[in-house]
């Protein structure tokens, strides 16, 4: 449960913006979307390897 304390005289739009930012950081929506479909462990491992290779390639390009 997210609790957003509202300060005296604070605009409701600003408090709502803080709530949305805090909600995004928790990753609840991403987690729900990931749970909608089953992904095989071999596919998740392949995706991790591809991400690691992409990041390594980006780092190598920055150094040279």
C-alpha atoms as a PDB file:
ATOM      1  CA  UNK A   1       0.000   0.000   0.000  1.00  0.00           C
ATOM      2  CA  UNK A   2       1.434   3.335  -1.050  1.00  0.00           C
ATOM      3  CA  UNK A   3       1.140   6.241   1.340  1.00  0.00           C
ATOM      4  CA  UNK A   4       1.708   9.742   0.010  1.00  0.00           C
ATOM      5  CA  UNK A   5       1.693  12.398   2.716  1.00  0.00           C
ATOM      6  CA  UNK A   6       0.242  15.678   1.433  1.00  0.00           C
ATOM      7  CA  UNK A   7       1.824  18.805   2.839  1.00  0.00           C
ATOM      8  CA  UNK A   8      -0.203  21.843   3.875  1.00  0.00           C
ATOM      9  CA  UNK A   9      -1.130  23.941   0.861  1.00  0.00           C
ATOM     10  CA  UNK A  10       0.291  21.409  -1.608  1.00  0.00           C
ATOM     11  CA  UNK A  11      -1.350  21.223  -5.006  1.00  0.00           C
ATOM     12  CA  UNK A  12      -3.266  17.971  -5.603  1.00  0.00           C
ATOM     13  CA  UNK A  13      -1.702  17.653  -9.055  1.00  0.00           C
ATOM     14  CA  UNK A  14       1.782  17.575  -7.550  1.00  0.00           C
ATOM     15  CA  UNK A  15       0.748  14.958  -4.994  1.00  0.00           C
ATOM     16  CA  UNK A  16      -0.806  12.864  -7.758  1.00  0.00           C
ATOM     17  CA  UNK A  17       2.398  13.157  -9.760  1.00  0.00           C
ATOM     18  CA  UNK A  18       4.406  11.925  -6.739  1.00  0.00           C
ATOM     19  CA  UNK A  19       1.999   9.006  -6.357  1.00  0.00           C
ATOM     20  CA  UNK A  20       2.346   8.019 -10.000  1.00  0.00           C
ATOM     21  CA  UNK A  21       6.141   8.195  -9.816  1.00  0.00           C
ATOM     22  CA  UNK A  22       6.199   6.056  -6.670  1.00  0.00           C
ATOM     23  CA  UNK A  23       3.790   3.560  -8.240  1.00  0.00           C
ATOM     24  CA  UNK A  24       5.981   3.243 -11.346  1.00  0.00           C
ATOM     25  CA  UNK A  25       9.046   2.561  -9.212  1.00  0.00           C
ATOM     26  CA  UNK A  26       7.358  -0.378  -7.505  1.00  0.00           C
ATOM     27  CA  UNK A  27       6.997  -2.143 -10.879  1.00  0.00           C
ATOM     28  CA  UNK A  28       3.543  -3.517 -10.122  1.00  0.00           C
ATOM     29  CA  UNK A  29       2.153  -3.027 -13.624  1.00  0.00           C
ATOM     30  CA  UNK A  30       5.234  -4.564 -15.273  1.00  0.00           C
ATOM     31  CA  UNK A  31       4.969  -7.566 -12.988  1.00  0.00           C
ATOM     32  CA  UNK A  32       1.270  -8.051 -13.780  1.00  0.00           C
ATOM     33  CA  UNK A  33       1.904  -7.884 -17.512  1.00  0.00           C
ATOM     34  CA  UNK A  34       4.751 -10.361 -17.234  1.00  0.00           C
ATOM     35  CA  UNK A  35       2.495 -12.814 -15.416  1.00  0.00           C
ATOM     36  CA  UNK A  36      -0.203 -12.794 -18.107  1.00  0.00           C
ATOM     37  CA  UNK A  37       1.673 -15.280 -20.274  1.00  0.00           C
ATOM     38  CA  UNK A  38       4.037 -18.102 -19.357  1.00  0.00           C
ATOM     39  CA  UNK A  39       7.526 -17.744 -20.763  1.00  0.00           C
ATOM     40  CA  UNK A  40       9.719 -20.809 -20.839  1.00  0.00           C
ATOM     41  CA  UNK A  41      12.935 -20.633 -18.805  1.00  0.00           C
ATOM     42  CA  UNK A  42      15.021 -21.252 -21.920  1.00  0.00           C
ATOM     43  CA  UNK A  43      13.461 -18.191 -23.556  1.00  0.00           C
ATOM     44  CA  UNK A  44      14.131 -16.002 -20.516  1.00  0.00           C
ATOM     45  CA  UNK A  45      17.748 -17.196 -20.435  1.00  0.00           C
ATOM     46  CA  UNK A  46      18.104 -16.433 -24.143  1.00  0.00           C
ATOM     47  CA  UNK A  47      16.735 -12.926 -23.597  1.00  0.00           C
ATOM     48  CA  UNK A  48      19.174 -12.345 -20.717  1.00  0.00           C
ATOM     49  CA  UNK A  49      22.104 -13.469 -22.885  1.00  0.00           C
ATOM     50  CA  UNK A  50      20.979 -11.194 -25.719  1.00  0.00           C
ATOM     51  CA  UNK A  51      20.715  -8.218 -23.348  1.00  0.00           C
ATOM     52  CA  UNK A  52      24.155  -8.907 -21.925  1.00  0.00           C
ATOM     53  CA  UNK A  53      25.650  -9.153 -25.421  1.00  0.00           C
ATOM     54  CA  UNK A  54      23.957  -5.903 -26.445  1.00  0.00           C
ATOM     55  CA  UNK A  55      25.252  -4.059 -23.378  1.00  0.00           C
ATOM     56  CA  UNK A  56      28.751  -5.460 -23.885  1.00  0.00           C
ATOM     57  CA  UNK A  57      28.668  -4.370 -27.527  1.00  0.00           C
ATOM     58  CA  UNK A  58      27.586  -0.857 -26.519  1.00  0.00           C
ATOM     59  CA  UNK A  59      30.406  -0.619 -23.954  1.00  0.00           C
ATOM     60  CA  UNK A  60      32.967  -1.853 -26.478  1.00  0.00           C
ATOM     61  CA  UNK A  61      31.808   0.759 -29.000  1.00  0.00           C
ATOM     62  CA  UNK A  62      32.092   3.542 -26.440  1.00  0.00           C
ATOM     63  CA  UNK A  63      35.650   2.599 -25.477  1.00  0.00           C
ATOM     64  CA  UNK A  64      37.007   2.505 -29.019  1.00  0.00           C
END
